[in-house]
PDB file of N, CA and C in Angstrom:
ATOM      1  N   MET A   1      11.157 -35.492  15.056  1.00  0.00           N
ATOM      2  CA  MET A   1       9.745 -35.505  14.635  1.00  0.00           C
ATOM      3  C   MET A   1       9.542 -36.808  13.893  1.00  0.00           C
ATOM      4  N   THR A   2       8.417 -37.429  14.257  1.00  0.00           N
ATOM      5  CA  THR A   2       8.146 -38.710  13.637  1.00  0.00           C
ATOM      6  C   THR A   2       7.388 -38.463  12.302  1.00  0.00           C
ATOM      7  N   LYS A   3       7.410 -39.533  11.486  1.00  0.00           N
ATOM      8  CA  LYS A   3       6.789 -39.416  10.170  1.00  0.00           C
ATOM      9  C   LYS A   3       5.372 -38.949  10.247  1.00  0.00           C
ATOM     10  N   GLU A   4       4.602 -39.429  11.183  1.00  0.00           N
ATOM     11  CA  GLU A   4       3.169 -39.072  11.234  1.00  0.00           C
ATOM     12  C   GLU A   4       3.004 -37.635  11.744  1.00  0.00           C
ATOM     13  N   ASN A   5       4.003 -37.000  12.296  1.00  0.00           N
ATOM     14  CA  ASN A   5       3.860 -35.592  12.708  1.00  0.00           C
ATOM     15  C   ASN A   5       4.239 -34.610  11.647  1.00  0.00           C
ATOM     16  N   ILE A   6       4.806 -35.094  10.562  1.00  0.00           N
ATOM     17  CA  ILE A   6       5.224 -34.195   9.488  1.00  0.00           C
ATOM     18  C   ILE A   6       3.995 -33.868   8.663  1.00  0.00           C
ATOM     19  N   PRO A   7       3.636 -32.552   8.515  1.00  0.00           N
ATOM     20  CA  PRO A   7       2.430 -32.220   7.703  1.00  0.00           C
ATOM     21  C   PRO A   7       2.725 -32.505   6.282  1.00  0.00           C
ATOM     22  N   LYS A   8       1.685 -33.024   5.596  1.00  0.00           N
ATOM     23  CA  LYS A   8       1.796 -33.266   4.138  1.00  0.00           C
ATOM     24  C   LYS A   8       1.575 -31.992   3.377  1.00  0.00           C
ATOM     25  N   LYS A   9       2.353 -31.821   2.303  1.00  0.00           N
ATOM     26  CA  LYS A   9       2.058 -30.587   1.472  1.00  0.00           C
ATOM     27  C   LYS A   9       0.835 -30.852   0.640  1.00  0.00           C
ATOM     28  N   ARG A  10      -0.065 -29.969   0.691  1.00  0.00           N
ATOM     29  CA  ARG A  10      -1.259 -30.189  -0.121  1.00  0.00           C
ATOM     30  C   ARG A  10      -1.045 -29.581  -1.483  1.00  0.00           C
ATOM     31  N   LYS A  11      -1.570 -30.196  -2.500  1.00  0.00           N
ATOM     32  CA  LYS A  11      -1.453 -29.742  -3.845  1.00  0.00           C
ATOM     33  C   LYS A  11      -2.377 -28.579  -4.088  1.00  0.00           C
ATOM     34  N   LEU A  12      -1.918 -27.619  -4.830  1.00  0.00           N
ATOM     35  CA  LEU A  12      -2.750 -26.442  -5.178  1.00  0.00           C
ATOM     36  C   LEU A  12      -3.643 -26.735  -6.313  1.00  0.00           C
ATOM     37  N   THR A  13      -4.824 -26.203  -6.301  1.00  0.00           N
ATOM     38  CA  THR A  13      -5.737 -26.243  -7.438  1.00  0.00           C
ATOM     39  C   THR A  13      -5.139 -25.387  -8.550  1.00  0.00           C
ATOM     40  N   ASP A  14      -5.729 -25.522  -9.764  1.00  0.00           N
ATOM     41  CA  ASP A  14      -5.196 -24.692 -10.824  1.00  0.00           C
ATOM     42  C   ASP A  14      -5.436 -23.227 -10.528  1.00  0.00           C
ATOM     43  N   LYS A  15      -6.566 -22.870  -9.923  1.00  0.00           N
ATOM     44  CA  LYS A  15      -6.779 -21.464  -9.619  1.00  0.00           C
ATOM     45  C   LYS A  15      -5.889 -20.981  -8.557  1.00  0.00           C
ATOM     46  N   GLN A  16      -5.587 -21.821  -7.534  1.00  0.00           N
ATOM     47  CA  GLN A  16      -4.645 -21.416  -6.547  1.00  0.00           C
ATOM     48  C   GLN A  16      -3.255 -21.174  -7.118  1.00  0.00           C
ATOM     49  N   LYS A  17      -2.793 -22.109  -8.024  1.00  0.00           N
ATOM     50  CA  LYS A  17      -1.538 -21.922  -8.708  1.00  0.00           C
ATOM     51  C   LYS A  17      -1.542 -20.615  -9.499  1.00  0.00           C
ATOM     52  N   ALA A  18      -2.607 -20.254 -10.136  1.00  0.00           N
ATOM     53  CA  ALA A  18      -2.694 -19.054 -10.879  1.00  0.00           C
ATOM     54  C   ALA A  18      -2.628 -17.822  -9.948  1.00  0.00           C
ATOM     55  N   PHE A  19      -3.284 -17.949  -8.824  1.00  0.00           N
ATOM     56  CA  PHE A  19      -3.203 -16.898  -7.753  1.00  0.00           C
ATOM     57  C   PHE A  19      -1.799 -16.677  -7.298  1.00  0.00           C
ATOM     58  N   VAL A  20      -1.092 -17.734  -6.991  1.00  0.00           N
ATOM     59  CA  VAL A  20       0.248 -17.635  -6.557  1.00  0.00           C
ATOM     60  C   VAL A  20       1.134 -17.005  -7.640  1.00  0.00           C
ATOM     61  N   HIS A  21       0.971 -17.441  -8.883  1.00  0.00           N
ATOM     62  CA  HIS A  21       1.676 -16.930 -10.013  1.00  0.00           C
ATOM     63  C   HIS A  21       1.497 -15.393 -10.157  1.00  0.00           C
ATOM     64  N   LYS A  22       0.218 -14.959 -10.098  1.00  0.00           N
ATOM     65  CA  LYS A  22      -0.076 -13.503 -10.188  1.00  0.00           C
ATOM     66  C   LYS A  22       0.646 -12.692  -9.143  1.00  0.00           C
ATOM     67  N   ILE A  23       0.711 -13.233  -7.930  1.00  0.00           N
ATOM     68  CA  ILE A  23       1.342 -12.496  -6.869  1.00  0.00           C
ATOM     69  C   ILE A  23       2.919 -12.537  -7.001  1.00  0.00           C
ATOM     70  N   ALA A  24       3.388 -13.791  -7.163  1.00  0.00           N
ATOM     71  CA  ALA A  24       4.808 -13.970  -7.120  1.00  0.00           C
ATOM     72  C   ALA A  24       5.578 -13.524  -8.400  1.00  0.00           C
ATOM     73  N   ILE A  25       4.975 -13.793  -9.514  1.00  0.00           N
ATOM     74  CA  ILE A  25       5.635 -13.555 -10.748  1.00  0.00           C
ATOM     75  C   ILE A  25       5.175 -12.233 -11.403  1.00  0.00           C
ATOM     76  N   GLU A  26       3.901 -12.015 -11.398  1.00  0.00           N
ATOM     77  CA  GLU A  26       3.347 -10.794 -12.079  1.00  0.00           C
ATOM     78  C   GLU A  26       3.339  -9.576 -11.135  1.00  0.00           C
ATOM     79  N   LYS A  27       3.635  -9.804  -9.863  1.00  0.00           N
ATOM     80  CA  LYS A  27       3.708  -8.725  -8.824  1.00  0.00           C
ATOM     81  C   LYS A  27       2.398  -8.068  -8.660  1.00  0.00           C
ATOM     82  N   LYS A  28       1.266  -8.795  -8.690  1.00  0.00           N
ATOM     83  CA  LYS A  28      -0.033  -8.287  -8.439  1.00  0.00           C
ATOM     84  C   LYS A  28      -0.309  -8.292  -6.939  1.00  0.00           C
ATOM     85  N   THR A  29      -1.169  -7.451  -6.481  1.00  0.00           N
ATOM     86  CA  THR A  29      -1.626  -7.546  -5.073  1.00  0.00           C
ATOM     87  C   THR A  29      -2.539  -8.798  -4.953  1.00  0.00           C
ATOM     88  N   GLY A  30      -2.815  -9.154  -3.708  1.00  0.00           N
ATOM     89  CA  GLY A  30      -3.721 -10.334  -3.507  1.00  0.00           C
ATOM     90  C   GLY A  30      -5.097 -10.001  -4.101  1.00  0.00           C
ATOM     91  N   THR A  31      -5.596  -8.768  -3.841  1.00  0.00           N
ATOM     92  CA  THR A  31      -6.897  -8.381  -4.414  1.00  0.00           C
ATOM     93  C   THR A  31      -6.894  -8.430  -5.945  1.00  0.00           C
ATOM     94  N   GLN A  32      -5.865  -7.856  -6.578  1.00  0.00           N
ATOM     95  CA  GLN A  32      -5.765  -7.892  -8.026  1.00  0.00           C
ATOM     96  C   GLN A  32      -5.735  -9.343  -8.508  1.00  0.00           C
ATOM     97  N   ALA A  33      -4.910 -10.111  -7.861  1.00  0.00           N
ATOM     98  CA  ALA A  33      -4.832 -11.593  -8.274  1.00  0.00           C
ATOM     99  C   ALA A  33      -6.128 -12.246  -8.153  1.00  0.00           C
ATOM    100  N   ALA A  34      -6.895 -12.045  -7.104  1.00  0.00           N
ATOM    101  CA  ALA A  34      -8.162 -12.681  -6.876  1.00  0.00           C
ATOM    102  C   ALA A  34      -9.157 -12.231  -7.921  1.00  0.00           C
ATOM    103  N   MET A  35      -9.161 -10.919  -8.249  1.00  0.00           N
ATOM    104  CA  MET A  35     -10.098 -10.374  -9.247  1.00  0.00           C
ATOM    105  C   MET A  35      -9.847 -11.051 -10.586  1.00  0.00           C
ATOM    106  N   GLU A  36      -8.566 -11.240 -10.936  1.00  0.00           N
ATOM    107  CA  GLU A  36      -8.278 -11.804 -12.259  1.00  0.00           C
ATOM    108  C   GLU A  36      -8.499 -13.309 -12.316  1.00  0.00           C
ATOM    109  N   VAL A  37      -8.047 -14.012 -11.321  1.00  0.00           N
ATOM    110  CA  VAL A  37      -8.081 -15.481 -11.301  1.00  0.00           C
ATOM    111  C   VAL A  37      -9.561 -15.918 -11.130  1.00  0.00           C
ATOM    112  N   TYR A  38     -10.302 -15.323 -10.271  1.00  0.00           N
ATOM    113  CA  TYR A  38     -11.651 -15.700  -9.989  1.00  0.00           C
ATOM    114  C   TYR A  38     -12.670 -14.929 -10.734  1.00  0.00           C
ATOM    115  N   ASN A  39     -12.245 -14.078 -11.670  1.00  0.00           N
ATOM    116  CA  ASN A  39     -13.074 -13.293 -12.587  1.00  0.00           C
ATOM    117  C   ASN A  39     -14.118 -12.500 -11.799  1.00  0.00           C
ATOM    118  N   ILE A  40     -13.667 -11.724 -10.868  1.00  0.00           N
ATOM    119  CA  ILE A  40     -14.529 -10.928  -9.986  1.00  0.00           C
ATOM    120  C   ILE A  40     -14.644  -9.524 -10.550  1.00  0.00           C
ATOM    121  N   GLY A  41     -15.866  -9.028 -10.894  1.00  0.00           N
ATOM    122  CA  GLY A  41     -16.064  -7.682 -11.251  1.00  0.00           C
ATOM    123  C   GLY A  41     -15.616  -7.160 -12.664  1.00  0.00           C
ATOM    124  N   GLY A  42     -15.180  -8.122 -13.476  1.00  0.00           N
ATOM    125  CA  GLY A  42     -14.731  -7.721 -14.792  1.00  0.00           C
ATOM    126  C   GLY A  42     -13.524  -6.776 -14.722  1.00  0.00           C
ATOM    127  N   LYS A  43     -13.368  -5.939 -15.733  1.00  0.00           N
ATOM    128  CA  LYS A  43     -12.238  -5.033 -15.824  1.00  0.00           C
ATOM    129  C   LYS A  43     -12.348  -3.882 -14.869  1.00  0.00           C
ATOM    130  N   HIS A  44     -13.541  -3.385 -14.625  1.00  0.00           N
ATOM    131  CA  HIS A  44     -13.750  -2.244 -13.750  1.00  0.00           C
ATOM    132  C   HIS A  44     -14.451  -2.688 -12.503  1.00  0.00           C
ATOM    133  N   GLY A  45     -13.680  -2.953 -11.437  1.00  0.00           N
ATOM    134  CA  GLY A  45     -14.283  -3.443 -10.162  1.00  0.00           C
ATOM    135  C   GLY A  45     -15.040  -2.409  -9.442  1.00  0.00           C
ATOM    136  N   THR A  46     -16.211  -2.812  -8.993  1.00  0.00           N
ATOM    137  CA  THR A  46     -17.036  -1.902  -8.124  1.00  0.00           C
ATOM    138  C   THR A  46     -16.446  -2.083  -6.731  1.00  0.00           C
ATOM    139  N   THR A  47     -16.969  -1.298  -5.794  1.00  0.00           N
ATOM    140  CA  THR A  47     -16.572  -1.383  -4.467  1.00  0.00           C
ATOM    141  C   THR A  47     -16.857  -2.757  -3.888  1.00  0.00           C
ATOM    142  N   ASP A  48     -18.015  -3.296  -4.244  1.00  0.00           N
ATOM    143  CA  ASP A  48     -18.430  -4.630  -3.764  1.00  0.00           C
ATOM    144  C   ASP A  48     -17.440  -5.656  -4.321  1.00  0.00           C
ATOM    145  N   ALA A  49     -17.159  -5.575  -5.640  1.00  0.00           N
ATOM    146  CA  ALA A  49     -16.239  -6.544  -6.255  1.00  0.00           C
ATOM    147  C   ALA A  49     -14.856  -6.458  -5.519  1.00  0.00           C
ATOM    148  N   LEU A  50     -14.411  -5.293  -5.250  1.00  0.00           N
ATOM    149  CA  LEU A  50     -13.148  -5.110  -4.619  1.00  0.00           C
ATOM    150  C   LEU A  50     -13.156  -5.734  -3.168  1.00  0.00           C
ATOM    151  N   ASN A  51     -14.245  -5.537  -2.487  1.00  0.00           N
ATOM    152  CA  ASN A  51     -14.416  -6.110  -1.163  1.00  0.00           C
ATOM    153  C   ASN A  51     -14.403  -7.653  -1.198  1.00  0.00           C
ATOM    154  N   VAL A  52     -15.146  -8.243  -2.160  1.00  0.00           N
ATOM    155  CA  VAL A  52     -15.143  -9.693  -2.323  1.00  0.00           C
ATOM    156  C   VAL A  52     -13.824 -10.239  -2.702  1.00  0.00           C
ATOM    157  N   ALA A  53     -13.123  -9.573  -3.655  1.00  0.00           N
ATOM    158  CA  ALA A  53     -11.802 -10.018  -4.037  1.00  0.00           C
ATOM    159  C   ALA A  53     -10.799  -9.881  -2.856  1.00  0.00           C
ATOM    160  N   GLY A  54     -10.867  -8.826  -2.098  1.00  0.00           N
ATOM    161  CA  GLY A  54      -9.980  -8.678  -0.937  1.00  0.00           C
ATOM    162  C   GLY A  54     -10.258  -9.805   0.064  1.00  0.00           C
ATOM    163  N   ALA A  55     -11.500 -10.119   0.331  1.00  0.00           N
ATOM    164  CA  ALA A  55     -11.805 -11.164   1.269  1.00  0.00           C
ATOM    165  C   ALA A  55     -11.258 -12.527   0.687  1.00  0.00           C
ATOM    166  N   MET A  56     -11.410 -12.761  -0.540  1.00  0.00           N
ATOM    167  CA  MET A  56     -10.922 -14.061  -1.129  1.00  0.00           C
ATOM    168  C   MET A  56      -9.414 -14.061  -1.081  1.00  0.00           C
ATOM    169  N   ALA A  57      -8.774 -12.951  -1.356  1.00  0.00           N
ATOM    170  CA  ALA A  57      -7.309 -12.881  -1.257  1.00  0.00           C
ATOM    171  C   ALA A  57      -6.825 -13.197   0.194  1.00  0.00           C
ATOM    172  N   SER A  58      -7.482 -12.614   1.153  1.00  0.00           N
ATOM    173  CA  SER A  58      -7.135 -12.827   2.555  1.00  0.00           C
ATOM    174  C   SER A  58      -7.316 -14.244   2.905  1.00  0.00           C
ATOM    175  N   GLU A  59      -8.451 -14.875   2.515  1.00  0.00           N
ATOM    176  CA  GLU A  59      -8.663 -16.275   2.758  1.00  0.00           C
ATOM    177  C   GLU A  59      -7.549 -17.160   2.086  1.00  0.00           C
ATOM    178  N   ASN A  60      -7.284 -16.880   0.895  1.00  0.00           N
ATOM    179  CA  ASN A  60      -6.183 -17.653   0.140  1.00  0.00           C
ATOM    180  C   ASN A  60      -4.822 -17.518   0.859  1.00  0.00           C
ATOM    181  N   LEU A  61      -4.478 -16.287   1.180  1.00  0.00           N
ATOM    182  CA  LEU A  61      -3.177 -16.069   1.811  1.00  0.00           C
ATOM    183  C   LEU A  61      -3.069 -16.701   3.168  1.00  0.00           C
ATOM    184  N   ALA A  62      -4.183 -17.015   3.785  1.00  0.00           N
ATOM    185  CA  ALA A  62      -4.149 -17.602   5.101  1.00  0.00           C
ATOM    186  C   ALA A  62      -4.070 -19.117   5.041  1.00  0.00           C
ATOM    187  N   LYS A  63      -4.203 -19.717   3.807  1.00  0.00           N
ATOM    188  CA  LYS A  63      -4.162 -21.127   3.604  1.00  0.00           C
ATOM    189  C   LYS A  63      -2.748 -21.598   3.655  1.00  0.00           C
ATOM    190  N   PRO A  64      -2.369 -22.589   4.455  1.00  0.00           N
ATOM    191  CA  PRO A  64      -0.976 -22.993   4.566  1.00  0.00           C
ATOM    192  C   PRO A  64      -0.348 -23.430   3.223  1.00  0.00           C
ATOM    193  N   SER A  65      -1.136 -24.069   2.367  1.00  0.00           N
ATOM    194  CA  SER A  65      -0.581 -24.488   1.106  1.00  0.00           C
ATOM    195  C   SER A  65      -0.162 -23.322   0.211  1.00  0.00           C
ATOM    196  N   ILE A  66      -0.932 -22.312   0.228  1.00  0.00           N
ATOM    197  CA  ILE A  66      -0.633 -21.133  -0.643  1.00  0.00           C
ATOM    198  C   ILE A  66       0.500 -20.350   0.010  1.00  0.00           C
ATOM    199  N   SER A  67       0.457 -20.143   1.298  1.00  0.00           N
ATOM    200  CA  SER A  67       1.553 -19.494   1.988  1.00  0.00           C
ATOM    201  C   SER A  67       2.889 -20.252   1.788  1.00  0.00           C
ATOM    202  N   SER A  68       2.836 -21.533   1.848  1.00  0.00           N
ATOM    203  CA  SER A  68       4.002 -22.358   1.669  1.00  0.00           C
ATOM    204  C   SER A  68       4.542 -22.219   0.215  1.00  0.00           C
ATOM    205  N   ALA A  69       3.658 -22.230  -0.743  1.00  0.00           N
ATOM    206  CA  ALA A  69       4.073 -22.049  -2.159  1.00  0.00           C
ATOM    207  C   ALA A  69       4.762 -20.743  -2.378  1.00  0.00           C
ATOM    208  N   LEU A  70       4.195 -19.703  -1.803  1.00  0.00           N
ATOM    209  CA  LEU A  70       4.814 -18.331  -1.896  1.00  0.00           C
ATOM    210  C   LEU A  70       6.157 -18.301  -1.202  1.00  0.00           C
ATOM    211  N   ASP A  71       6.222 -18.906  -0.053  1.00  0.00           N
ATOM    212  CA  ASP A  71       7.518 -18.979   0.652  1.00  0.00           C
ATOM    213  C   ASP A  71       8.596 -19.736  -0.140  1.00  0.00           C
ATOM    214  N   ASP A  72       8.166 -20.847  -0.770  1.00  0.00           N
ATOM    215  CA  ASP A  72       9.087 -21.643  -1.588  1.00  0.00           C
ATOM    216  C   ASP A  72       9.618 -20.829  -2.745  1.00  0.00           C
ATOM    217  N   LEU A  73       8.749 -20.100  -3.446  1.00  0.00           N
ATOM    218  CA  LEU A  73       9.141 -19.234  -4.547  1.00  0.00           C
ATOM    219  C   LEU A  73      10.148 -18.141  -4.063  1.00  0.00           C
ATOM    220  N   ALA A  74       9.834 -17.542  -2.928  1.00  0.00           N
ATOM    221  CA  ALA A  74      10.733 -16.538  -2.378  1.00  0.00           C
ATOM    222  C   ALA A  74      12.074 -17.107  -2.080  1.00  0.00           C
ATOM    223  N   ASP A  75      12.132 -18.320  -1.457  1.00  0.00           N
ATOM    224  CA  ASP A  75      13.358 -18.902  -1.154  1.00  0.00           C
ATOM    225  C   ASP A  75      14.185 -19.246  -2.441  1.00  0.00           C
ATOM    226  N   LYS A  76      13.532 -19.752  -3.458  1.00  0.00           N
ATOM    227  CA  LYS A  76      14.219 -19.988  -4.670  1.00  0.00           C
ATOM    228  C   LYS A  76      14.785 -18.708  -5.288  1.00  0.00           C
ATOM    229  N   ALA A  77      13.998 -17.641  -5.293  1.00  0.00           N
ATOM    230  CA  ALA A  77      14.486 -16.379  -5.797  1.00  0.00           C
ATOM    231  C   ALA A  77      15.656 -15.884  -5.027  1.00  0.00           C
ATOM    232  N   LYS A  78      15.616 -15.966  -3.743  1.00  0.00           N
ATOM    233  CA  LYS A  78      16.799 -15.597  -2.871  1.00  0.00           C
ATOM    234  C   LYS A  78      18.003 -16.360  -3.179  1.00  0.00           C
ATOM    235  N   SER A  79      17.840 -17.690  -3.363  1.00  0.00           N
ATOM    236  CA  SER A  79      18.953 -18.530  -3.691  1.00  0.00           C
ATOM    237  C   SER A  79      19.611 -18.159  -5.047  1.00  0.00           C
ATOM    238  N   ILE A  80      18.728 -17.929  -6.011  1.00  0.00           N
ATOM    239  CA  ILE A  80      19.303 -17.499  -7.303  1.00  0.00           C
ATOM    240  C   ILE A  80      20.008 -16.183  -7.209  1.00  0.00           C
ATOM    241  N   LEU A  81      19.428 -15.234  -6.546  1.00  0.00           N
ATOM    242  CA  LEU A  81      20.053 -13.936  -6.365  1.00  0.00           C
ATOM    243  C   LEU A  81      21.406 -14.066  -5.653  1.00  0.00           C
ATOM    244  N   GLU A  82      21.505 -14.904  -4.602  1.00  0.00           N
ATOM    245  CA  GLU A  82      22.729 -15.084  -3.866  1.00  0.00           C
ATOM    246  C   GLU A  82      23.826 -15.629  -4.851  1.00  0.00           C
ATOM    247  N   LYS A  83      23.413 -16.558  -5.689  1.00  0.00           N
ATOM    248  CA  LYS A  83      24.354 -17.169  -6.655  1.00  0.00           C
ATOM    249  C   LYS A  83      24.895 -16.189  -7.624  1.00  0.00           C
ATOM    250  N   VAL A  84      24.013 -15.276  -8.126  1.00  0.00           N
ATOM    251  CA  VAL A  84      24.349 -14.216  -9.117  1.00  0.00           C
ATOM    252  C   VAL A  84      25.316 -13.199  -8.427  1.00  0.00           C
ATOM    253  N   LEU A  85      25.040 -12.916  -7.209  1.00  0.00           N
ATOM    254  CA  LEU A  85      25.865 -11.898  -6.516  1.00  0.00           C
ATOM    255  C   LEU A  85      27.212 -12.388  -6.005  1.00  0.00           C
ATOM    256  N   ASP A  86      27.383 -13.683  -5.957  1.00  0.00           N
ATOM    257  CA  ASP A  86      28.644 -14.293  -5.504  1.00  0.00           C
ATOM    258  C   ASP A  86      29.699 -14.220  -6.573  1.00  0.00           C
TER     259      ASP A  86
END
């Protein structure tokens, strides 16, 4: 693969980083993470707020940069676990 064919890793925005953190570290669902990070619906989400948050979560999870960040964290966790178990 030539240098120009290698995709560049895109940097995450602060909100995207928070979204990834909520899912990977705080074990929130995508919808919960979106509601908290993007302040959708306050504490008690209505059906509309849940639908909006679910759509935003789906869009975020489809982004290669977010998917890659989650994969990287999973790989790091797996590596640490393997070292502990050895």
